[in-house]
Structure formats: structure tokens, C-alpha cells
N, C-alpha and C. Protein backbone atom coordinates (compact mmCIF):
# COMPACT_ATOMS: atom_id res chain seq x y z
N MET A 1 226.19 122.91 9.53
CA MET A 1 225.45 124.01 10.13
C MET A 1 226.11 124.72 11.28
N LEU A 2 227.21 123.95 11.83
CA LEU A 2 227.92 124.54 12.99
C LEU A 2 228.87 125.60 12.24
N ASP A 3 229.09 125.74 10.88
CA ASP A 3 230.07 126.42 10.51
C ASP A 3 229.32 127.81 10.12
N GLU A 4 228.02 127.84 10.10
CA GLU A 4 227.54 129.25 9.68
C GLU A 4 227.80 130.53 10.76
N PRO A 5 228.06 131.36 10.41
CA PRO A 5 228.28 132.74 11.08
C PRO A 5 226.95 133.10 11.74
N PRO A 6 227.02 133.64 13.11
CA PRO A 6 225.91 134.21 13.62
C PRO A 6 225.29 135.28 12.82
N ALA A 7 223.98 135.30 13.04
CA ALA A 7 223.14 136.25 12.34
C ALA A 7 223.33 137.66 13.05
N PRO A 8 223.38 139.05 12.31
CA PRO A 8 223.57 139.98 12.95
C PRO A 8 222.12 140.31 14.04
N HIS A 9 222.47 140.94 14.84
CA HIS A 9 221.49 141.44 15.88
C HIS A 9 220.23 142.04 15.23
N GLY A 10 219.18 141.43 15.51
CA GLY A 10 217.79 141.91 15.22
C GLY A 10 217.41 141.36 13.87
N ALA A 11 218.52 140.45 13.12
CA ALA A 11 218.22 139.93 11.93
C ALA A 11 217.10 138.88 12.09
N GLY A 12 216.04 139.07 11.04
CA GLY A 12 215.00 137.85 11.22
C GLY A 12 214.06 137.85 12.50
N ARG A 13 213.91 138.93 13.04
CA ARG A 13 213.18 139.16 14.27
C ARG A 13 211.70 138.90 13.81
N LEU A 14 210.99 138.15 14.87
CA LEU A 14 209.79 137.50 14.42
C LEU A 14 208.76 138.37 15.48
N VAL A 15 207.55 138.71 14.93
CA VAL A 15 206.88 139.31 15.82
C VAL A 15 206.27 138.71 17.02
N ARG A 16 205.86 137.27 16.83
CA ARG A 16 205.37 136.39 17.88
C ARG A 16 205.04 135.05 17.39
N LEU A 17 205.42 133.90 18.05
CA LEU A 17 204.86 132.59 17.40
C LEU A 17 203.50 132.64 17.00
N GLY A 18 203.39 132.07 15.94
CA GLY A 18 201.73 131.72 15.37
C GLY A 18 201.59 133.05 14.66
N ALA A 19 202.14 134.28 14.47
CA ALA A 19 201.79 135.17 13.72
C ALA A 19 201.63 135.04 12.59
N PRO A 20 200.52 135.81 11.85
CA PRO A 20 200.08 135.53 10.42
C PRO A 20 201.34 135.88 9.36
N ALA A 21 201.37 135.11 8.34
CA ALA A 21 202.45 135.39 7.69
C ALA A 21 202.59 136.86 6.80
N ASP A 22 201.28 137.25 6.64
CA ASP A 22 201.37 138.56 6.03
C ASP A 22 201.90 139.87 6.94
N SER A 23 201.72 139.19 8.32
CA SER A 23 202.21 140.41 9.24
C SER A 23 203.75 140.07 9.43
N LEU A 24 204.44 139.27 9.13
CA LEU A 24 205.81 138.98 9.18
C LEU A 24 206.38 139.49 7.75
N ALA A 25 205.64 139.57 6.91
CA ALA A 25 206.08 139.98 5.54
C ALA A 25 206.24 141.36 5.72
N ARG A 26 205.43 142.15 6.38
CA ARG A 26 205.32 143.61 6.55
C ARG A 26 206.44 144.22 7.41
N MET A 27 207.01 143.31 8.20
CA MET A 27 208.28 143.67 9.05
C MET A 27 209.48 144.02 8.12
N ASP A 28 210.00 145.18 7.98
CA ASP A 28 211.27 145.64 7.41
C ASP A 28 211.71 146.74 8.01
N GLU A 29 212.80 147.28 7.42
CA GLU A 29 213.37 148.44 7.95
C GLU A 29 212.51 149.63 8.04
N SER A 30 211.73 149.68 6.99
CA SER A 30 210.71 150.86 6.86
C SER A 30 209.58 150.80 7.95
N THR A 31 209.55 149.79 8.65
CA THR A 31 208.51 149.89 9.74
C THR A 31 208.99 150.45 10.97
N ILE A 32 208.00 150.61 11.99
CA ILE A 32 208.52 151.14 13.38
C ILE A 32 207.28 150.74 14.21
N THR A 33 207.76 150.27 15.49
CA THR A 33 206.66 149.98 16.42
C THR A 33 206.46 150.88 17.35
N PRO A 34 205.05 150.84 18.01
CA PRO A 34 204.57 151.88 18.86
C PRO A 34 205.78 152.37 20.03
N VAL A 35 206.76 151.16 20.59
CA VAL A 35 207.47 151.47 21.80
C VAL A 35 208.63 152.28 20.80
N GLU A 36 209.13 151.85 19.85
CA GLU A 36 210.10 152.97 19.12
C GLU A 36 209.62 154.30 18.77
N LEU A 37 208.48 154.49 18.20
CA LEU A 37 208.08 155.74 17.96
C LEU A 37 207.58 156.69 19.40
N SER A 38 207.24 155.79 20.43
CA SER A 38 207.05 156.51 21.59
C SER A 38 208.30 157.10 22.25
N ARG A 39 209.36 156.31 22.13
CA ARG A 39 210.84 156.62 22.69
C ARG A 39 211.28 157.60 21.92
N GLU A 40 210.90 157.62 20.63
CA GLU A 40 211.30 158.92 19.81
C GLU A 40 210.68 160.22 19.94
N LEU A 41 209.65 159.97 20.37
CA LEU A 41 208.54 161.32 20.54
C LEU A 41 208.83 161.74 22.22
N GLY A 42 209.68 160.83 23.13
CA GLY A 42 209.80 161.49 24.42
C GLY A 42 208.89 161.01 25.38
N MET A 43 207.96 159.89 25.03
CA MET A 43 206.67 159.60 25.58
C MET A 43 206.99 158.37 26.30
N ASP A 44 205.96 157.67 27.06
CA ASP A 44 206.12 156.28 27.95
C ASP A 44 206.86 155.25 27.24
N ARG A 45 207.84 154.69 27.78
CA ARG A 45 208.68 153.65 27.12
C ARG A 45 208.08 152.48 26.70
N LYS A 46 206.98 152.28 27.10
CA LYS A 46 206.20 150.85 26.49
C LYS A 46 205.21 151.30 25.41
N GLY A 47 204.99 152.38 24.87
CA GLY A 47 204.12 152.84 23.85
C GLY A 47 202.79 152.64 24.27
N ARG A 48 202.40 152.62 25.21
CA ARG A 48 200.85 152.50 25.78
C ARG A 48 200.10 153.67 25.08
N GLN A 49 200.28 154.96 25.33
CA GLN A 49 199.72 156.02 24.73
C GLN A 49 199.50 155.82 23.30
N ILE A 50 200.37 155.41 22.61
CA ILE A 50 200.36 155.19 20.86
C ILE A 50 199.48 154.13 20.58
N ARG A 51 199.76 152.85 21.52
CA ARG A 51 198.93 151.78 21.14
C ARG A 51 197.32 152.11 21.52
N GLY A 52 196.88 153.18 22.40
CA GLY A 52 195.60 153.51 22.75
C GLY A 52 195.10 154.17 21.50
N PHE A 53 195.70 155.14 21.07
CA PHE A 53 195.75 155.71 19.79
C PHE A 53 195.31 154.92 18.54
N LEU A 54 196.06 153.90 18.40
CA LEU A 54 196.02 152.97 17.19
C LEU A 54 194.59 152.34 17.44
N ARG A 55 194.17 152.10 18.72
CA ARG A 55 193.02 151.18 18.78
C ARG A 55 191.50 152.03 18.80
N ASN A 56 192.05 153.59 19.07
CA ASN A 56 190.94 154.38 19.08
C ASN A 56 191.29 155.56 18.61
N PRO A 57 191.45 155.88 17.33
CA PRO A 57 192.18 157.13 16.88
C PRO A 57 191.11 158.16 17.01
N THR A 58 191.54 159.43 17.47
CA THR A 58 190.66 160.46 17.70
C THR A 58 191.01 161.68 16.97
N ASP A 59 191.76 161.62 15.66
CA ASP A 59 192.15 162.55 14.90
C ASP A 59 190.91 162.68 13.68
N GLY A 60 190.26 161.97 13.48
CA GLY A 60 189.27 162.09 12.51
C GLY A 60 190.02 161.23 11.09
N GLY A 61 191.03 160.66 11.31
CA GLY A 61 191.57 160.14 10.01
C GLY A 61 191.00 158.58 9.97
N GLY A 62 190.33 158.21 10.53
CA GLY A 62 189.63 156.94 10.49
C GLY A 62 190.62 155.54 11.05
N PRO A 63 189.97 154.44 11.12
CA PRO A 63 191.13 153.57 12.06
C PRO A 63 192.11 153.15 11.02
N PHE A 64 193.33 152.43 12.01
CA PHE A 64 194.28 152.09 11.41
C PHE A 64 194.03 150.67 10.80
N GLU A 65 194.26 150.66 9.43
CA GLU A 65 193.93 148.93 8.90
C GLU A 65 195.39 148.07 8.96
N GLY A 66 195.10 146.91 8.42
CA GLY A 66 196.28 146.34 8.42
C GLY A 66 196.69 145.38 9.68
N HIS A 67 196.30 145.51 10.63
CA HIS A 67 196.63 144.89 11.99
C HIS A 67 195.91 143.92 12.50
N GLU A 68 196.40 142.77 12.66
CA GLU A 68 195.63 141.47 13.42
C GLU A 68 195.62 141.73 14.76
N ILE A 69 194.36 141.49 15.30
CA ILE A 69 194.42 141.47 16.77
C ILE A 69 195.21 140.49 17.50
N GLY A 70 196.05 140.69 18.45
CA GLY A 70 196.97 139.96 19.01
C GLY A 70 198.43 139.75 18.55
N THR A 71 198.83 140.33 17.64
CA THR A 71 199.97 140.76 17.09
C THR A 71 200.56 142.28 17.17
N GLU A 72 201.84 142.21 17.26
CA GLU A 72 202.49 143.31 17.46
C GLU A 72 202.54 144.42 16.34
N TRP A 73 202.09 145.61 16.54
CA TRP A 73 201.98 146.61 15.55
C TRP A 73 203.19 146.97 15.00
N HIS A 74 203.36 147.09 13.49
CA HIS A 74 204.46 147.57 12.72
C HIS A 74 203.98 148.68 11.87
N LEU A 75 204.41 149.66 12.19
CA LEU A 75 203.65 151.07 11.35
C LEU A 75 204.30 151.10 10.34
N THR A 76 203.64 151.55 9.23
CA THR A 76 204.15 152.08 7.92
C THR A 76 204.75 153.59 8.19
N PRO A 77 205.66 154.14 7.43
CA PRO A 77 205.97 155.56 7.36
C PRO A 77 204.97 156.32 7.47
N GLU A 78 203.69 156.24 6.66
CA GLU A 78 202.66 157.05 6.60
C GLU A 78 201.94 157.01 8.01
N GLN A 79 201.51 155.90 8.33
CA GLN A 79 200.87 155.69 9.89
C GLN A 79 201.93 156.57 11.06
N ALA A 80 203.19 156.19 10.61
CA ALA A 80 203.81 156.87 11.97
C ALA A 80 204.05 158.39 11.80
N ASP A 81 203.86 158.76 10.63
CA ASP A 81 203.81 160.29 10.40
C ASP A 81 202.52 160.78 10.98
N ARG A 82 201.28 159.97 10.61
CA ARG A 82 200.14 160.50 11.01
C ARG A 82 200.03 160.50 12.63
N ILE A 83 200.75 159.63 13.27
CA ILE A 83 200.68 159.39 14.94
C ILE A 83 201.61 160.69 15.31
N ARG A 84 202.78 160.91 14.71
CA ARG A 84 203.52 162.05 15.04
C ARG A 84 202.91 163.27 15.18
N LYS A 85 202.19 163.54 13.95
CA LYS A 85 201.53 164.77 13.96
C LYS A 85 200.44 164.88 15.01
N HIS A 86 199.69 163.99 15.33
CA HIS A 86 198.76 163.85 16.29
C HIS A 86 199.12 164.27 17.90
N PHE A 87 200.38 163.63 18.16
CA PHE A 87 201.01 163.72 19.68
C PHE A 87 201.94 165.00 19.58
N THR A 88 202.29 165.53 18.62
CA THR A 88 203.18 166.90 18.45
C THR A 88 202.15 168.01 18.57
N ARG A 89 201.12 167.76 18.09
CA ARG A 89 199.92 168.77 18.13
C ARG A 89 199.18 168.83 19.44
N ASP A 90 199.13 167.52 20.20
CA ASP A 90 198.60 167.49 21.62
C ASP A 90 199.54 168.03 22.65
N ARG A 91 200.55 167.75 22.37
CA ARG A 91 201.89 168.50 23.16
C ARG A 91 201.94 169.80 23.07
N ALA A 92 201.72 170.41 21.85
CA ALA A 92 201.60 171.73 21.65
C ALA A 92 200.68 172.42 22.17
N GLY A 93 199.46 171.82 22.32
CA GLY A 93 198.16 172.62 23.04
C GLY A 93 198.15 172.31 24.65
N GLU A 94 199.06 171.62 25.12
CA GLU A 94 199.24 171.28 26.55
C GLU A 94 199.45 172.68 27.33
């Protein structure tokens, strides 16, 4: 085992210990976290506004499905686009 090369940075990252297997299966390069999306949109660095919206969406699109309480959010491209649209519209109306 000592002869194995180190894994690339970020390879095999886990949500958290004890996370359900289905949430680990969803993590791949096509998902994005609220923190990453928040930084992309120039918002708070910890993703608080986005996580608040995920818990209580106010855009009429219904609840965000597929998230288990106590685990980190990993958003699909469709979910991320919905959030981008909501927060871009909010900023345009400021």
C-alpha cells in the first residue's frame, strides 16, 4: 500500500461521515455546492443566502427534492440554474 501514488486533490471527497450512500453517489463533477454557487454569483462566501433559499424557496418552483437533512447540498445543473435565475432576477430588481 505504500507504493500507491497520492490521490489527486479533491478526489473521492466525502460529504461527511455517516452520510447516506445515495448522497455520496450524487457527488460528481456535474454537481455544485451552495458555497461554490454563491462565490460564482458574487454573494456571501459561505452560501448562507442560497441555503436559505433551498430550505424555503420563494420563486414558486416548489421544494428542492433529494436532500437529506444534516448532509451537504450537492445541486444538479437544473437546480443550480434555477438558483442562478432567482438570484440574478433579485439583483436586477435591487
